[in-house]
Amino acid sequence: MHLIIVYLIGVIFGTGIVVSGMANPAKVINFFDIAGTWDPSLAFVMGGALIVTALGYRMVFGRARPLFEGRFVLPTARNLDARLIGGSAVFGVGWGIAGFCPGGALPALGTGRIEVILFTAALIGGIFAAKFLQNLSRPKAEATS
């Protein structure tokens, strides 16, 4: 049952991404092109997503525990470090250049367009490169434990 619900949530998310235009790189690039052919419509999409998320969090955290877990698992880190800021910057620059973010690219894979496939391959390569670099920078004692 858990996997069916997760699948349905993914289908709803992917459908929303495609219907809103977030899977269309031209629309995304025009959103970021403030000095040129700016298209503010994605700001309304993001604003709507924030409203739905805020209401969802209110509903979920009103419960004693999640439906499919014993307790809520929330991030504990509160500091803004170089990894977080750098990763956010790389994400934003990549989104602006390619017109895809991972959330928009995965549903767009169904189109079979070569630019989506190349972006997704680069995304996966970037994940492995980041893991490799993290392992290089980790102290030896921590890596062996």
C-alpha atoms as a PDB file:
ATOM      1  CA  MET A   1       0.000   0.000   0.000  1.00  0.00           C
ATOM      2  CA  HIS A   2       2.863   2.336   0.876  1.00  0.00           C
ATOM      3  CA  LEU A   3       4.422   1.989  -2.595  1.00  0.00           C
ATOM      4  CA  ILE A   4       1.083   2.613  -4.304  1.00  0.00           C
ATOM      5  CA  ILE A   5       0.612   5.870  -2.390  1.00  0.00           C
ATOM      6  CA  VAL A   6       4.194   6.957  -3.136  1.00  0.00           C
ATOM      7  CA  TYR A   7       3.622   6.163  -6.816  1.00  0.00           C
ATOM      8  CA  LEU A   8       0.364   8.143  -6.905  1.00  0.00           C
ATOM      9  CA  ILE A   9       2.032  11.124  -5.247  1.00  0.00           C
ATOM     10  CA  GLY A  10       4.775  10.954  -7.891  1.00  0.00           C
ATOM     11  CA  VAL A  11       2.207  10.829 -10.700  1.00  0.00           C
ATOM     12  CA  ILE A  12       0.370  13.841  -9.258  1.00  0.00           C
ATOM     13  CA  PHE A  13       3.657  15.741  -8.868  1.00  0.00           C
ATOM     14  CA  GLY A  14       4.831  14.879 -12.380  1.00  0.00           C
ATOM     15  CA  THR A  15       1.470  15.821 -13.889  1.00  0.00           C
ATOM     16  CA  GLY A  16       1.557  19.159 -12.074  1.00  0.00           C
ATOM     17  CA  ILE A  17       5.096  19.828 -13.313  1.00  0.00           C
ATOM     18  CA  VAL A  18       4.113  19.118 -16.921  1.00  0.00           C
ATOM     19  CA  VAL A  19       0.769  20.995 -16.828  1.00  0.00           C
ATOM     20  CA  SER A  20       2.362  24.057 -15.180  1.00  0.00           C
ATOM     21  CA  GLY A  21       5.080  24.298 -17.835  1.00  0.00           C
ATOM     22  CA  MET A  22       7.975  23.568 -15.469  1.00  0.00           C
ATOM     23  CA  ALA A  23       9.074  20.721 -17.785  1.00  0.00           C
ATOM     24  CA  ASN A  24       9.357  23.123 -20.729  1.00  0.00           C
ATOM     25  CA  PRO A  25      12.905  24.544 -20.774  1.00  0.00           C
ATOM     26  CA  ALA A  26      11.915  27.505 -22.986  1.00  0.00           C
ATOM     27  CA  LYS A  27       9.299  28.586 -20.437  1.00  0.00           C
ATOM     28  CA  VAL A  28      11.760  28.203 -17.565  1.00  0.00           C
ATOM     29  CA  ILE A  29      14.513  30.142 -19.349  1.00  0.00           C
ATOM     30  CA  ASN A  30      12.012  32.923 -20.167  1.00  0.00           C
ATOM     31  CA  PHE A  31      11.110  33.052 -16.485  1.00  0.00           C
ATOM     32  CA  PHE A  32      14.760  33.748 -15.648  1.00  0.00           C
ATOM     33  CA  ASP A  33      15.195  36.247 -18.534  1.00  0.00           C
ATOM     34  CA  ILE A  34      14.037  39.323 -16.613  1.00  0.00           C
ATOM     35  CA  ALA A  35      15.693  41.774 -19.031  1.00  0.00           C
ATOM     36  CA  GLY A  36      14.326  40.078 -22.169  1.00  0.00           C
ATOM     37  CA  THR A  37      11.314  37.873 -22.824  1.00  0.00           C
ATOM     38  CA  TRP A  38      10.341  37.521 -19.170  1.00  0.00           C
ATOM     39  CA  ASP A  39       7.419  35.175 -18.461  1.00  0.00           C
ATOM     40  CA  PRO A  40       6.239  35.624 -14.844  1.00  0.00           C
ATOM     41  CA  SER A  41       3.729  32.749 -14.974  1.00  0.00           C
ATOM     42  CA  LEU A  42       6.059  30.321 -13.166  1.00  0.00           C
ATOM     43  CA  ALA A  43       6.130  32.688 -10.181  1.00  0.00           C
ATOM     44  CA  PHE A  44       2.419  31.949  -9.780  1.00  0.00           C
ATOM     45  CA  VAL A  45       3.102  28.223 -10.077  1.00  0.00           C
ATOM     46  CA  MET A  46       5.768  28.454  -7.353  1.00  0.00           C
ATOM     47  CA  GLY A  47       3.547  30.650  -5.189  1.00  0.00           C
ATOM     48  CA  GLY A  48       0.704  28.157  -5.512  1.00  0.00           C
ATOM     49  CA  ALA A  49       3.079  25.332  -4.599  1.00  0.00           C
ATOM     50  CA  LEU A  50       4.185  27.235  -1.484  1.00  0.00           C
ATOM     51  CA  ILE A  51       0.568  27.715  -0.381  1.00  0.00           C
ATOM     52  CA  VAL A  52      -0.266  24.029  -0.896  1.00  0.00           C
ATOM     53  CA  THR A  53       2.941  23.021   0.928  1.00  0.00           C
ATOM     54  CA  ALA A  54       2.206  25.304   3.889  1.00  0.00           C
ATOM     55  CA  LEU A  55      -1.305  23.883   4.220  1.00  0.00           C
ATOM     56  CA  GLY A  56       0.022  20.332   3.847  1.00  0.00           C
ATOM     57  CA  TYR A  57       2.623  20.833   6.576  1.00  0.00           C
ATOM     58  CA  ARG A  58      -0.058  22.226   8.872  1.00  0.00           C
ATOM     59  CA  MET A  59      -2.246  19.172   8.297  1.00  0.00           C
ATOM     60  CA  VAL A  60       0.576  16.636   8.589  1.00  0.00           C
ATOM     61  CA  PHE A  61       2.189  18.098  11.693  1.00  0.00           C
ATOM     62  CA  GLY A  62      -1.208  18.280  13.355  1.00  0.00           C
ATOM     63  CA  ARG A  63      -0.991  14.495  13.593  1.00  0.00           C
ATOM     64  CA  ALA A  64       0.822  12.625  16.343  1.00  0.00           C
ATOM     65  CA  ARG A  65       2.849  10.614  13.810  1.00  0.00           C
ATOM     66  CA  PRO A  66       3.033   9.971  10.059  1.00  0.00           C
ATOM     67  CA  LEU A  67       0.706   7.388   8.496  1.00  0.00           C
ATOM     68  CA  PHE A  68       3.452   4.988   7.399  1.00  0.00           C
ATOM     69  CA  GLU A  69       6.234   5.627   9.915  1.00  0.00           C
ATOM     70  CA  GLY A  70       6.595   5.528  13.660  1.00  0.00           C
ATOM     71  CA  ARG A  71       7.783   9.132  13.967  1.00  0.00           C
ATOM     72  CA  PHE A  72       8.544  12.235  11.950  1.00  0.00           C
ATOM     73  CA  VAL A  73      12.123  12.453  10.672  1.00  0.00           C
ATOM     74  CA  LEU A  74      13.091  16.084  10.213  1.00  0.00           C
ATOM     75  CA  PRO A  75      16.398  17.728   9.341  1.00  0.00           C
ATOM     76  CA  THR A  76      18.288  18.946  12.380  1.00  0.00           C
ATOM     77  CA  ALA A  77      20.953  21.096  10.694  1.00  0.00           C
ATOM     78  CA  ARG A  78      20.210  24.812  10.944  1.00  0.00           C
ATOM     79  CA  ASN A  79      23.495  26.325   9.764  1.00  0.00           C
ATOM     80  CA  LEU A  80      24.198  27.822   6.360  1.00  0.00           C
ATOM     81  CA  ASP A  81      27.550  26.371   5.340  1.00  0.00           C
ATOM     82  CA  ALA A  82      29.606  26.538   2.152  1.00  0.00           C
ATOM     83  CA  ARG A  83      28.254  23.186   0.886  1.00  0.00           C
ATOM     84  CA  LEU A  84      24.640  24.323   1.178  1.00  0.00           C
ATOM     85  CA  ILE A  85      25.217  27.735  -0.390  1.00  0.00           C
ATOM     86  CA  GLY A  86      27.516  26.354  -3.113  1.00  0.00           C
ATOM     87  CA  GLY A  87      25.131  23.537  -3.952  1.00  0.00           C
ATOM     88  CA  SER A  88      22.216  25.961  -4.134  1.00  0.00           C
ATOM     89  CA  ALA A  89      24.194  28.237  -6.444  1.00  0.00           C
ATOM     90  CA  VAL A  90      25.179  25.355  -8.757  1.00  0.00           C
ATOM     91  CA  PHE A  91      21.564  24.153  -8.797  1.00  0.00           C
ATOM     92  CA  GLY A  92      20.254  27.629  -9.682  1.00  0.00           C
ATOM     93  CA  VAL A  93      22.848  28.294 -12.364  1.00  0.00           C
ATOM     94  CA  GLY A  94      22.251  24.868 -13.917  1.00  0.00           C
ATOM     95  CA  TRP A  95      18.498  25.409 -13.864  1.00  0.00           C
ATOM     96  CA  GLY A  96      18.884  28.786 -15.546  1.00  0.00           C
ATOM     97  CA  ILE A  97      21.277  27.496 -18.219  1.00  0.00           C
ATOM     98  CA  ALA A  98      19.560  24.203 -19.041  1.00  0.00           C
ATOM     99  CA  GLY A  99      15.969  25.170 -18.325  1.00  0.00           C
ATOM    100  CA  PHE A 100      15.494  21.953 -16.362  1.00  0.00           C
ATOM    101  CA  CYS A 101      15.580  21.147 -12.691  1.00  0.00           C
ATOM    102  CA  PRO A 102      15.498  17.500 -11.581  1.00  0.00           C
ATOM    103  CA  GLY A 103      11.822  17.764 -10.642  1.00  0.00           C
ATOM    104  CA  GLY A 104      10.932  18.981 -14.117  1.00  0.00           C
ATOM    105  CA  ALA A 105      13.321  16.780 -16.064  1.00  0.00           C
ATOM    106  CA  LEU A 106      12.203  13.415 -14.715  1.00  0.00           C
ATOM    107  CA  PRO A 107       8.575  13.750 -15.886  1.00  0.00           C
ATOM    108  CA  ALA A 108       9.877  15.183 -19.196  1.00  0.00           C
ATOM    109  CA  LEU A 109      11.892  11.993 -19.807  1.00  0.00           C
ATOM    110  CA  GLY A 110       8.652  10.530 -21.124  1.00  0.00           C
ATOM    111  CA  THR A 111       8.885  12.860 -24.120  1.00  0.00           C
ATOM    112  CA  GLY A 112      12.061  11.117 -25.293  1.00  0.00           C
ATOM    113  CA  ARG A 113      13.648  14.461 -26.230  1.00  0.00           C
ATOM    114  CA  ILE A 114      17.436  14.223 -26.462  1.00  0.00           C
ATOM    115  CA  GLU A 115      18.054  17.363 -24.361  1.00  0.00           C
ATOM    116  CA  VAL A 116      16.084  15.848 -21.469  1.00  0.00           C
ATOM    117  CA  ILE A 117      18.030  12.602 -21.718  1.00  0.00           C
ATOM    118  CA  LEU A 118      21.353  14.474 -21.846  1.00  0.00           C
ATOM    119  CA  PHE A 119      20.378  16.636 -18.873  1.00  0.00           C
ATOM    120  CA  THR A 120      19.352  13.589 -16.838  1.00  0.00           C
ATOM    121  CA  ALA A 121      22.598  11.799 -17.735  1.00  0.00           C
ATOM    122  CA  ALA A 122      24.580  14.890 -16.676  1.00  0.00           C
ATOM    123  CA  LEU A 123      22.539  15.043 -13.466  1.00  0.00           C
ATOM    124  CA  ILE A 124      23.376  11.432 -12.625  1.00  0.00           C
ATOM    125  CA  GLY A 125      27.033  12.020 -13.535  1.00  0.00           C
ATOM    126  CA  GLY A 126      27.067  15.069 -11.265  1.00  0.00           C
ATOM    127  CA  ILE A 127      25.667  13.044  -8.374  1.00  0.00           C
ATOM    128  CA  PHE A 128      28.430  10.464  -8.748  1.00  0.00           C
ATOM    129  CA  ALA A 129      31.089  13.186  -9.146  1.00  0.00           C
ATOM    130  CA  ALA A 130      29.882  14.917  -5.979  1.00  0.00           C
ATOM    131  CA  LYS A 131      29.986  11.636  -4.034  1.00  0.00           C
ATOM    132  CA  PHE A 132      33.478  10.946  -5.349  1.00  0.00           C
ATOM    133  CA  LEU A 133      34.693  14.418  -4.312  1.00  0.00           C
ATOM    134  CA  GLN A 134      33.073  14.054  -0.890  1.00  0.00           C
ATOM    135  CA  ASN A 135      34.898  10.765  -0.373  1.00  0.00           C
ATOM    136  CA  LEU A 136      38.212  12.379  -1.388  1.00  0.00           C
ATOM    137  CA  SER A 137      37.780  15.209   1.103  1.00  0.00           C
ATOM    138  CA  ARG A 138      36.626  12.969   3.987  1.00  0.00           C
ATOM    139  CA  PRO A 139      39.339  12.230   6.563  1.00  0.00           C
ATOM    140  CA  LYS A 140      40.721   8.692   6.311  1.00  0.00           C
ATOM    141  CA  ALA A 141      39.629   7.702   9.847  1.00  0.00           C
ATOM    142  CA  GLU A 142      36.028   8.723   9.128  1.00  0.00           C
ATOM    143  CA  ALA A 143      35.996   6.898   5.755  1.00  0.00           C
ATOM    144  CA  THR A 144      37.061   3.566   7.289  1.00  0.00           C
ATOM    145  CA  SER A 145      34.596   3.568  10.182  1.00  0.00           C
END
